Amino acid sequence: MPEPRMMPSALQVARAMAQVLRTKLGVLDTEEIRLTREEAALCLGLAEGVTETLERDAQQDR
């Protein structure tokens, strides 16, 4: 029976996304960068994680 896969934490996703963007932005002689679907999914995952955290924090402050 396969092991259940754990979802990465927002911090893990942020670190992975930062590495992807750092690498792509490090190529200074290009004006555009392109993301693969996987890279875009990392960005979306981070944005959704941050949104969920901020919404949860806002609920606790009420």
PDB file of N, CA and C in Angstrom:
ATOM      1  N   MET A   1       0.848  -1.180   0.000  1.00  0.00           N
ATOM      2  CA  MET A   1       0.000   0.000   0.000  1.00  0.00           C
ATOM      3  C   MET A   1       0.893   1.243   0.000  1.00  0.00           C
ATOM      4  N   PRO A   2       0.679   2.170  -0.930  1.00  0.00           N
ATOM      5  CA  PRO A   2       1.543   3.368  -0.987  1.00  0.00           C
ATOM      6  C   PRO A   2       1.324   4.272   0.219  1.00  0.00           C
ATOM      7  N   GLU A   3       2.414   4.915   0.638  1.00  0.00           N
ATOM      8  CA  GLU A   3       2.331   5.866   1.753  1.00  0.00           C
ATOM      9  C   GLU A   3       1.584   7.119   1.314  1.00  0.00           C
ATOM     10  N   PRO A   4       0.753   7.687   2.198  1.00  0.00           N
ATOM     11  CA  PRO A   4       0.095   8.955   1.837  1.00  0.00           C
ATOM     12  C   PRO A   4       1.136  10.061   1.720  1.00  0.00           C
ATOM     13  N   ARG A   5       0.963  10.905   0.726  1.00  0.00           N
ATOM     14  CA  ARG A   5       1.914  12.000   0.505  1.00  0.00           C
ATOM     15  C   ARG A   5       1.518  13.188   1.353  1.00  0.00           C
ATOM     16  N   MET A   6       2.510  13.747   2.034  1.00  0.00           N
ATOM     17  CA  MET A   6       2.281  14.934   2.853  1.00  0.00           C
ATOM     18  C   MET A   6       2.346  16.163   1.956  1.00  0.00           C
ATOM     19  N   MET A   7       1.470  17.103   2.207  1.00  0.00           N
ATOM     20  CA  MET A   7       1.516  18.371   1.487  1.00  0.00           C
ATOM     21  C   MET A   7       2.678  19.182   2.034  1.00  0.00           C
ATOM     22  N   PRO A   8       3.421  19.853   1.155  1.00  0.00           N
ATOM     23  CA  PRO A   8       4.521  20.686   1.659  1.00  0.00           C
ATOM     24  C   PRO A   8       3.968  21.885   2.427  1.00  0.00           C
ATOM     25  N   SER A   9       4.764  22.356   3.365  1.00  0.00           N
ATOM     26  CA  SER A   9       4.353  23.541   4.121  1.00  0.00           C
ATOM     27  C   SER A   9       4.488  24.773   3.239  1.00  0.00           C
ATOM     28  N   ALA A  10       3.861  25.856   3.653  1.00  0.00           N
ATOM     29  CA  ALA A  10       3.979  27.113   2.906  1.00  0.00           C
ATOM     30  C   ALA A  10       5.435  27.555   2.850  1.00  0.00           C
ATOM     31  N   LEU A  11       6.186  27.305   3.928  1.00  0.00           N
ATOM     32  CA  LEU A  11       7.603  27.673   3.949  1.00  0.00           C
ATOM     33  C   LEU A  11       8.387  26.871   2.920  1.00  0.00           C
ATOM     34  N   GLN A  12       8.121  25.582   2.804  1.00  0.00           N
ATOM     35  CA  GLN A  12       8.808  24.761   1.810  1.00  0.00           C
ATOM     36  C   GLN A  12       8.477  25.226   0.395  1.00  0.00           C
ATOM     37  N   VAL A  13       7.222  25.542   0.156  1.00  0.00           N
ATOM     38  CA  VAL A  13       6.809  26.023  -1.165  1.00  0.00           C
ATOM     39  C   VAL A  13       7.463  27.368  -1.454  1.00  0.00           C
ATOM     40  N   ALA A  14       7.506  28.251  -0.458  1.00  0.00           N
ATOM     41  CA  ALA A  14       8.127  29.568  -0.641  1.00  0.00           C
ATOM     42  C   ALA A  14       9.604  29.426  -0.975  1.00  0.00           C
ATOM     43  N   ARG A  15      10.297  28.539  -0.282  1.00  0.00           N
ATOM     44  CA  ARG A  15      11.727  28.334  -0.566  1.00  0.00           C
ATOM     45  C   ARG A  15      11.936  27.789  -1.973  1.00  0.00           C
ATOM     46  N   ALA A  16      11.107  26.838  -2.376  1.00  0.00           N
ATOM     47  CA  ALA A  16      11.228  26.274  -3.719  1.00  0.00           C
ATOM     48  C   ALA A  16      10.943  27.333  -4.777  1.00  0.00           C
ATOM     49  N   MET A  17       9.896  28.120  -4.559  1.00  0.00           N
ATOM     50  CA  MET A  17       9.553  29.172  -5.510  1.00  0.00           C
ATOM     51  C   MET A  17      10.651  30.223  -5.584  1.00  0.00           C
ATOM     52  N   ALA A  18      11.203  30.594  -4.443  1.00  0.00           N
ATOM     53  CA  ALA A  18      12.284  31.585  -4.429  1.00  0.00           C
ATOM     54  C   ALA A  18      13.475  31.080  -5.224  1.00  0.00           C
ATOM     55  N   GLN A  19      13.798  29.805  -5.093  1.00  0.00           N
ATOM     56  CA  GLN A  19      14.925  29.241  -5.836  1.00  0.00           C
ATOM     57  C   GLN A  19      14.661  29.264  -7.334  1.00  0.00           C
ATOM     58  N   VAL A  20      13.451  28.884  -7.737  1.00  0.00           N
ATOM     59  CA  VAL A  20      13.092  28.903  -9.160  1.00  0.00           C
ATOM     60  C   VAL A  20      13.205  30.321  -9.709  1.00  0.00           C
ATOM     61  N   LEU A  21      12.605  31.286  -9.018  1.00  0.00           N
ATOM     62  CA  LEU A  21      12.624  32.669  -9.500  1.00  0.00           C
ATOM     63  C   LEU A  21      14.027  33.261  -9.460  1.00  0.00           C
ATOM     64  N   ARG A  22      14.793  32.955  -8.432  1.00  0.00           N
ATOM     65  CA  ARG A  22      16.170  33.452  -8.335  1.00  0.00           C
ATOM     66  C   ARG A  22      16.991  32.969  -9.532  1.00  0.00           C
ATOM     67  N   THR A  23      16.831  31.694  -9.870  1.00  0.00           N
ATOM     68  CA  THR A  23      17.559  31.124 -11.001  1.00  0.00           C
ATOM     69  C   THR A  23      17.142  31.783 -12.308  1.00  0.00           C
ATOM     70  N   LYS A  24      15.842  31.910 -12.522  1.00  0.00           N
ATOM     71  CA  LYS A  24      15.357  32.493 -13.778  1.00  0.00           C
ATOM     72  C   LYS A  24      15.700  33.977 -13.885  1.00  0.00           C
ATOM     73  N   LEU A  25      15.593  34.711 -12.787  1.00  0.00           N
ATOM     74  CA  LEU A  25      15.905  36.138 -12.815  1.00  0.00           C
ATOM     75  C   LEU A  25      17.406  36.394 -12.845  1.00  0.00           C
ATOM     76  N   GLY A  26      18.188  35.369 -12.560  1.00  0.00           N
ATOM     77  CA  GLY A  26      19.640  35.500 -12.596  1.00  0.00           C
ATOM     78  C   GLY A  26      20.195  35.619 -14.010  1.00  0.00           C
ATOM     79  N   VAL A  27      19.393  35.274 -14.997  1.00  0.00           N
ATOM     80  CA  VAL A  27      19.803  35.425 -16.392  1.00  0.00           C
ATOM     81  C   VAL A  27      19.486  36.861 -16.783  1.00  0.00           C
ATOM     82  N   LEU A  28      20.493  37.716 -16.702  1.00  0.00           N
ATOM     83  CA  LEU A  28      20.270  39.159 -16.842  1.00  0.00           C
ATOM     84  C   LEU A  28      20.071  39.631 -18.277  1.00  0.00           C
ATOM     85  N   ASP A  29      20.448  38.819 -19.258  1.00  0.00           N
ATOM     86  CA  ASP A  29      20.356  39.277 -20.644  1.00  0.00           C
ATOM     87  C   ASP A  29      19.020  38.920 -21.299  1.00  0.00           C
ATOM     88  N   THR A  30      18.037  38.547 -20.504  1.00  0.00           N
ATOM     89  CA  THR A  30      16.719  38.259 -21.058  1.00  0.00           C
ATOM     90  C   THR A  30      15.682  39.190 -20.434  1.00  0.00           C
ATOM     91  N   GLU A  31      14.719  39.588 -21.238  1.00  0.00           N
ATOM     92  CA  GLU A  31      13.702  40.523 -20.772  1.00  0.00           C
ATOM     93  C   GLU A  31      12.478  39.805 -20.220  1.00  0.00           C
ATOM     94  N   GLU A  32      12.271  38.567 -20.621  1.00  0.00           N
ATOM     95  CA  GLU A  32      11.112  37.801 -20.179  1.00  0.00           C
ATOM     96  C   GLU A  32      11.568  36.497 -19.551  1.00  0.00           C
ATOM     97  N   ILE A  33      10.746  35.998 -18.630  1.00  0.00           N
ATOM     98  CA  ILE A  33      10.967  34.654 -18.111  1.00  0.00           C
ATOM     99  C   ILE A  33       9.689  33.865 -18.331  1.00  0.00           C
ATOM    100  N   ARG A  34       9.841  32.564 -18.452  1.00  0.00           N
ATOM    101  CA  ARG A  34       8.684  31.687 -18.626  1.00  0.00           C
ATOM    102  C   ARG A  34       8.708  30.654 -17.514  1.00  0.00           C
ATOM    103  N   LEU A  35       7.527  30.340 -17.031  1.00  0.00           N
ATOM    104  CA  LEU A  35       7.399  29.335 -15.991  1.00  0.00           C
ATOM    105  C   LEU A  35       6.746  28.087 -16.567  1.00  0.00           C
ATOM    106  N   THR A  36       7.220  26.932 -16.127  1.00  0.00           N
ATOM    107  CA  THR A  36       6.544  25.688 -16.480  1.00  0.00           C
ATOM    108  C   THR A  36       5.263  25.600 -15.658  1.00  0.00           C
ATOM    109  N   ARG A  37       4.418  24.643 -15.986  1.00  0.00           N
ATOM    110  CA  ARG A  37       3.189  24.444 -15.200  1.00  0.00           C
ATOM    111  C   ARG A  37       3.539  24.131 -13.751  1.00  0.00           C
ATOM    112  N   GLU A  38       4.582  23.335 -13.545  1.00  0.00           N
ATOM    113  CA  GLU A  38       4.992  22.981 -12.181  1.00  0.00           C
ATOM    114  C   GLU A  38       5.460  24.220 -11.415  1.00  0.00           C
ATOM    115  N   GLU A  39       6.234  25.074 -12.078  1.00  0.00           N
ATOM    116  CA  GLU A  39       6.701  26.306 -11.434  1.00  0.00           C
ATOM    117  C   GLU A  39       5.532  27.239 -11.122  1.00  0.00           C
ATOM    118  N   ALA A  40       4.600  27.342 -12.053  1.00  0.00           N
ATOM    119  CA  ALA A  40       3.422  28.177 -11.814  1.00  0.00           C
ATOM    120  C   ALA A  40       2.588  27.601 -10.667  1.00  0.00           C
ATOM    121  N   ALA A  41       2.517  26.270 -10.582  1.00  0.00           N
ATOM    122  CA  ALA A  41       1.789  25.631  -9.482  1.00  0.00           C
ATOM    123  C   ALA A  41       2.446  25.949  -8.144  1.00  0.00           C
ATOM    124  N   LEU A  42       3.782  26.010  -8.108  1.00  0.00           N
ATOM    125  CA  LEU A  42       4.486  26.410  -6.883  1.00  0.00           C
ATOM    126  C   LEU A  42       4.069  27.816  -6.471  1.00  0.00           C
ATOM    127  N   CYS A  43       4.056  28.731  -7.432  1.00  0.00           N
ATOM    128  CA  CYS A  43       3.668  30.119  -7.144  1.00  0.00           C
ATOM    129  C   CYS A  43       2.235  30.180  -6.628  1.00  0.00           C
ATOM    130  N   LEU A  44       1.343  29.467  -7.284  1.00  0.00           N
ATOM    131  CA  LEU A  44      -0.057  29.448  -6.866  1.00  0.00           C
ATOM    132  C   LEU A  44      -0.201  28.834  -5.476  1.00  0.00           C
ATOM    133  N   GLY A  45       0.520  27.755  -5.229  1.00  0.00           N
ATOM    134  CA  GLY A  45       0.461  27.113  -3.914  1.00  0.00           C
ATOM    135  C   GLY A  45       0.896  28.049  -2.808  1.00  0.00           C
ATOM    136  N   LEU A  46       1.942  28.809  -3.068  1.00  0.00           N
ATOM    137  CA  LEU A  46       2.413  29.761  -2.063  1.00  0.00           C
ATOM    138  C   LEU A  46       1.377  30.862  -1.844  1.00  0.00           C
ATOM    139  N   ALA A  47       0.859  31.409  -2.930  1.00  0.00           N
ATOM    140  CA  ALA A  47      -0.134  32.482  -2.809  1.00  0.00           C
ATOM    141  C   ALA A  47      -1.362  31.998  -2.042  1.00  0.00           C
ATOM    142  N   GLU A  48      -1.814  30.783  -2.329  1.00  0.00           N
ATOM    143  CA  GLU A  48      -2.972  30.249  -1.614  1.00  0.00           C
ATOM    144  C   GLU A  48      -2.644  29.992  -0.145  1.00  0.00           C
ATOM    145  N   GLY A  49      -1.429  29.508   0.137  1.00  0.00           N
ATOM    146  CA  GLY A  49      -1.015  29.273   1.516  1.00  0.00           C
ATOM    147  C   GLY A  49      -0.960  30.557   2.320  1.00  0.00           C
ATOM    148  N   VAL A  50      -0.419  31.595   1.719  1.00  0.00           N
ATOM    149  CA  VAL A  50      -0.351  32.896   2.392  1.00  0.00           C
ATOM    150  C   VAL A  50      -1.761  33.430   2.630  1.00  0.00           C
ATOM    151  N   THR A  51      -2.621  33.303   1.630  1.00  0.00           N
ATOM    152  CA  THR A  51      -4.002  33.763   1.761  1.00  0.00           C
ATOM    153  C   THR A  51      -4.712  33.049   2.906  1.00  0.00           C
ATOM    154  N   GLU A  52      -4.567  31.726   2.960  1.00  0.00           N
ATOM    155  CA  GLU A  52      -5.211  30.955   4.028  1.00  0.00           C
ATOM    156  C   GLU A  52      -4.696  31.378   5.397  1.00  0.00           C
ATOM    157  N   THR A  53      -3.392  31.571   5.512  1.00  0.00           N
ATOM    158  CA  THR A  53      -2.801  31.975   6.789  1.00  0.00           C
ATOM    159  C   THR A  53      -3.308  33.346   7.216  1.00  0.00           C
ATOM    160  N   LEU A  54      -3.334  34.294   6.284  1.00  0.00           N
ATOM    161  CA  LEU A  54      -3.807  35.638   6.609  1.00  0.00           C
ATOM    162  C   LEU A  54      -5.285  35.633   6.982  1.00  0.00           C
ATOM    163  N   GLU A  55      -6.082  34.845   6.269  1.00  0.00           N
ATOM    164  CA  GLU A  55      -7.506  34.758   6.595  1.00  0.00           C
ATOM    165  C   GLU A  55      -7.710  34.138   7.977  1.00  0.00           C
ATOM    166  N   ARG A  56      -6.945  33.103   8.288  1.00  0.00           N
ATOM    167  CA  ARG A  56      -7.046  32.460   9.602  1.00  0.00           C
ATOM    168  C   ARG A  56      -6.638  33.431  10.703  1.00  0.00           C
ATOM    169  N   ASP A  57      -5.549  34.170  10.475  1.00  0.00           N
ATOM    170  CA  ASP A  57      -5.103  35.168  11.451  1.00  0.00           C
ATOM    171  C   ASP A  57      -6.162  36.255  11.657  1.00  0.00           C
ATOM    172  N   ALA A  58      -6.802  36.685  10.567  1.00  0.00           N
ATOM    173  CA  ALA A  58      -7.840  37.713  10.659  1.00  0.00           C
ATOM    174  C   ALA A  58      -9.032  37.194  11.460  1.00  0.00           C
ATOM    175  N   GLN A  59      -9.378  35.925  11.279  1.00  0.00           N
ATOM    176  CA  GLN A  59     -10.486  35.325  12.032  1.00  0.00           C
ATOM    177  C   GLN A  59     -10.162  35.285  13.523  1.00  0.00           C
ATOM    178  N   GLN A  60      -8.913  34.985  13.868  1.00  0.00           N
ATOM    179  CA  GLN A  60      -8.506  34.890  15.270  1.00  0.00           C
ATOM    180  C   GLN A  60      -8.478  36.259  15.937  1.00  0.00           C
ATOM    181  N   ASP A  61      -8.222  37.305  15.159  1.00  0.00           N
ATOM    182  CA  ASP A  61      -8.156  38.667  15.698  1.00  0.00           C
ATOM    183  C   ASP A  61      -9.537  39.232  16.022  1.00  0.00           C
ATOM    184  N   ARG A  62     -10.578  38.618  15.521  1.00  0.00           N
ATOM    185  CA  ARG A  62     -11.944  39.132  15.729  1.00  0.00           C
ATOM    186  C   ARG A  62     -12.452  38.803  17.095  1.00  0.00           C
TER     187      ARG A  62
END
